[in-house]
């Protein structure tokens, strides 16, 4: 039997708590195989324990921008990935006492590159669909709680995310009415 050699390559981004994960597997003329999640390897890659309670699947069309979302109670860490299409995925540090407060990191996640991003608690999260459609999957460390969900404007000038979009994004009503970071309820 052939020994398995797939592992997770973990890269800490400019905000070191946010981790880009590249999963290695194997492929041949039939297709490919990789473990999309392994609890032990994941925790070793991010350097902490994490327990997931909910999986979500989101299908969106080109130029849909979702976010920047977070919860003020039942705070969620998220492990995100794309299984069809491509997105620009963003995490914003909204912990007031953090040395990286108000900073953001963004990465392209796609079905082709099979990258995942770990976004810990204390961050707002959003993504922009770059292809005709995209299927976005994410695990959360706590349940969705609409009463505690908050949203920061995708184009808040105090954050200044460099979204790779021409023109205006397609937003939900909630995202279109989002507050600025200055007026948002955030973490101490």
Protein backbone atom coordinates (compact mmCIF):
# COMPACT_ATOMS: atom_id res chain seq x y z
CA UNK A 1 0.00 0.00 0.00
CA UNK A 2 1.28 3.47 -0.90
CA UNK A 3 2.03 5.76 2.06
CA UNK A 4 -0.06 8.91 2.23
CA UNK A 5 1.96 12.11 1.99
CA UNK A 6 -0.77 14.74 1.93
CA UNK A 7 -0.38 17.42 4.57
CA UNK A 8 -1.44 20.96 5.22
CA UNK A 9 0.87 23.83 4.35
CA UNK A 10 0.01 26.70 6.70
CA UNK A 11 1.00 30.31 5.98
CA UNK A 12 0.34 33.01 8.55
CA UNK A 13 -0.74 36.16 6.73
CA UNK A 14 0.10 39.81 7.50
CA UNK A 15 -2.30 39.45 10.43
CA UNK A 16 -0.73 36.32 11.94
CA UNK A 17 -3.91 34.91 13.50
CA UNK A 18 -5.38 34.53 10.00
CA UNK A 19 -3.93 31.42 8.36
CA UNK A 20 -3.94 30.40 4.70
CA UNK A 21 -4.10 26.62 4.36
CA UNK A 22 -3.01 24.72 1.27
CA UNK A 23 -4.02 21.08 1.27
CA UNK A 24 -1.94 18.52 -0.54
CA UNK A 25 -3.41 15.40 -2.02
CA UNK A 26 -2.86 13.37 -5.14
CA UNK A 27 -4.33 13.15 -8.60
CA UNK A 28 -4.14 11.12 -11.77
CA UNK A 29 -6.08 10.75 -15.02
CA UNK A 30 -9.22 9.88 -13.02
CA UNK A 31 -9.23 13.11 -11.00
CA UNK A 32 -7.93 13.98 -7.53
CA UNK A 33 -8.32 13.19 -3.86
CA UNK A 34 -7.44 15.20 -0.76
CA UNK A 35 -8.67 15.39 2.80
CA UNK A 36 -10.61 18.65 2.96
CA UNK A 37 -10.59 18.57 6.76
CA UNK A 38 -8.63 16.70 9.41
CA UNK A 39 -9.11 17.99 12.97
CA UNK A 40 -5.63 17.04 14.21
CA UNK A 41 -3.80 18.49 11.20
CA UNK A 42 -5.96 21.63 11.23
CA UNK A 43 -5.30 22.38 14.91
CA UNK A 44 -1.56 21.78 14.41
CA UNK A 45 -1.60 24.17 11.43
CA UNK A 46 -3.34 27.03 13.28
CA UNK A 47 -1.69 26.37 16.64
CA UNK A 48 -4.87 26.21 18.71
CA UNK A 49 -7.91 24.08 19.46
CA UNK A 50 -11.04 24.72 17.43
CA UNK A 51 -14.35 22.92 17.45
CA UNK A 52 -16.85 23.36 14.64
CA UNK A 53 -20.61 23.19 15.16
CA UNK A 54 -22.08 24.30 11.82
CA UNK A 55 -21.28 23.96 8.11
CA UNK A 56 -22.65 26.47 5.59
CA UNK A 57 -22.84 26.44 1.78
CA UNK A 58 -23.31 29.67 -0.18
CA UNK A 59 -23.87 29.89 -3.95
CA UNK A 60 -23.41 33.33 -5.54
CA UNK A 61 -22.97 34.95 -8.95
CA UNK A 62 -20.24 37.23 -10.31
CA UNK A 63 -19.75 40.55 -8.45
CA UNK A 64 -21.82 39.47 -5.45
CA UNK A 65 -20.10 40.84 -2.37
CA UNK A 66 -21.09 39.36 0.98
CA UNK A 67 -19.89 41.02 4.17
CA UNK A 68 -18.25 42.24 6.20
CA UNK A 69 -20.08 39.99 8.70
CA UNK A 70 -19.42 39.00 12.31
CA UNK A 71 -21.31 38.23 15.52
CA UNK A 72 -20.89 40.18 18.77
CA UNK A 73 -22.09 37.23 20.88
CA UNK A 74 -21.81 33.60 19.90
CA UNK A 75 -18.64 34.80 18.22
CA UNK A 76 -17.56 32.65 15.30
CA UNK A 77 -14.25 31.46 13.98
CA UNK A 78 -14.58 30.37 10.34
CA UNK A 79 -12.75 27.91 8.12
CA UNK A 80 -13.65 28.91 4.55
CA UNK A 81 -13.08 27.38 1.12
CA UNK A 82 -14.43 27.41 -2.44
CA UNK A 83 -15.53 24.21 -4.23
CA UNK A 84 -16.67 25.81 -7.49
CA UNK A 85 -15.47 29.10 -8.99
CA UNK A 86 -13.28 31.75 -7.40
CA UNK A 87 -13.64 34.45 -4.73
CA UNK A 88 -11.56 37.18 -3.14
CA UNK A 89 -11.86 36.43 0.57
CA UNK A 90 -11.21 39.07 3.25
CA UNK A 91 -10.73 39.12 7.03
CA UNK A 92 -10.70 42.42 8.99
CA UNK A 93 -9.35 42.65 12.55
CA UNK A 94 -12.05 44.36 14.62
CA UNK A 95 -10.51 43.77 18.06
CA UNK A 96 -9.95 47.31 19.42
CA UNK A 97 -7.00 46.31 21.62
CA UNK A 98 -5.22 44.39 18.86
CA UNK A 99 -1.99 45.74 17.31
CA UNK A 100 -3.54 44.94 13.91
CA UNK A 101 -6.92 46.59 14.62
CA UNK A 102 -8.60 47.85 11.43
CA UNK A 103 -6.12 46.01 9.17
CA UNK A 104 -7.32 43.53 6.59
CA UNK A 105 -5.93 40.58 4.65
CA UNK A 106 -7.32 39.11 1.46
CA UNK A 107 -6.63 36.00 -0.61
CA UNK A 108 -8.04 34.43 -3.75
CA UNK A 109 -9.69 31.11 -2.92
CA UNK A 110 -10.82 28.86 -5.75
CA UNK A 111 -11.85 25.34 -6.62
CA UNK A 112 -8.63 25.11 -8.60
CA UNK A 113 -6.15 26.22 -5.90
CA UNK A 114 -8.04 24.36 -3.11
CA UNK A 115 -6.88 26.92 -0.55
CA UNK A 116 -8.70 27.45 2.71
CA UNK A 117 -8.53 30.36 5.12
CA UNK A 118 -8.87 30.25 8.90
CA UNK A 119 -10.51 33.40 10.22
CA UNK A 120 -10.50 33.40 14.02
CA UNK A 121 -12.98 34.98 16.39
CA UNK A 122 -12.74 38.78 16.54
CA UNK A 123 -12.64 39.31 12.77
CA UNK A 124 -15.21 40.53 10.27
CA UNK A 125 -15.39 38.44 7.11
CA UNK A 126 -16.47 39.03 3.54
CA UNK A 127 -15.93 37.81 0.02
CA UNK A 128 -16.38 38.92 -3.59
CA UNK A 129 -17.26 36.43 -6.35
CA UNK A 130 -14.79 36.70 -9.25
CA UNK A 131 -16.24 34.05 -11.61
CA UNK A 132 -19.68 33.57 -13.19
CA UNK A 133 -20.70 31.62 -10.08
CA UNK A 134 -19.02 30.31 -6.95
CA UNK A 135 -19.88 27.80 -4.27
CA UNK A 136 -18.41 28.86 -0.94
CA UNK A 137 -18.30 26.48 2.05
CA UNK A 138 -17.46 27.37 5.61
CA UNK A 139 -17.35 25.78 9.01
CA UNK A 140 -18.13 27.89 12.09
CA UNK A 141 -17.15 27.51 15.72
CA UNK A 142 -20.53 28.73 16.95
CA UNK A 143 -24.06 28.77 15.59
CA UNK A 144 -25.47 31.54 13.44
CA UNK A 145 -27.32 33.97 15.70
CA UNK A 146 -29.19 36.62 13.68
CA UNK A 147 -29.82 38.76 16.77
CA UNK A 148 -26.06 39.07 17.32
CA UNK A 149 -24.97 39.41 13.69
CA UNK A 150 -23.44 42.73 12.66
CA UNK A 151 -22.14 44.09 9.37
CA UNK A 152 -19.50 46.67 8.48
CA UNK A 153 -19.65 48.46 5.12
CA UNK A 154 -17.59 46.74 2.44
CA UNK A 155 -16.24 50.12 1.30
CA UNK A 156 -15.51 51.72 4.70
CA UNK A 157 -12.68 54.20 3.97
CA UNK A 158 -11.11 53.64 7.40
CA UNK A 159 -10.43 50.02 6.39
CA UNK A 160 -9.81 50.69 2.66
CA UNK A 161 -10.04 47.15 1.32
CA UNK A 162 -8.66 46.90 -2.20
CA UNK A 163 -11.48 44.81 -3.67
CA UNK A 164 -10.70 43.54 -7.22
CA UNK A 165 -13.96 44.82 -8.71
CA UNK A 166 -14.89 47.16 -11.52
CA UNK A 167 -18.09 49.07 -10.87
CA UNK A 168 -20.47 48.44 -8.02
CA UNK A 169 -20.88 45.07 -6.32
CA UNK A 170 -24.18 43.27 -5.92
CA UNK A 171 -25.15 43.58 -2.24
CA UNK A 172 -27.92 42.30 0.00
CA UNK A 173 -30.10 44.92 1.65
CA UNK A 174 -28.37 44.22 4.97
CA UNK A 175 -24.91 44.74 3.43
CA UNK A 176 -26.00 47.89 1.60
CA UNK A 177 -27.17 49.40 4.93
CA UNK A 178 -24.07 48.33 6.91
CA UNK A 179 -22.45 50.75 9.35
CA UNK A 180 -18.91 52.03 9.31
CA UNK A 181 -16.30 50.60 11.65
CA UNK A 182 -16.40 53.86 13.60
CA UNK A 183 -20.05 53.35 14.53
CA UNK A 184 -20.13 49.54 14.63
CA UNK A 185 -20.43 47.44 17.76
CA UNK A 186 -17.06 45.66 17.88
CA UNK A 187 -14.81 43.75 20.24
CA UNK A 188 -12.77 45.34 23.06
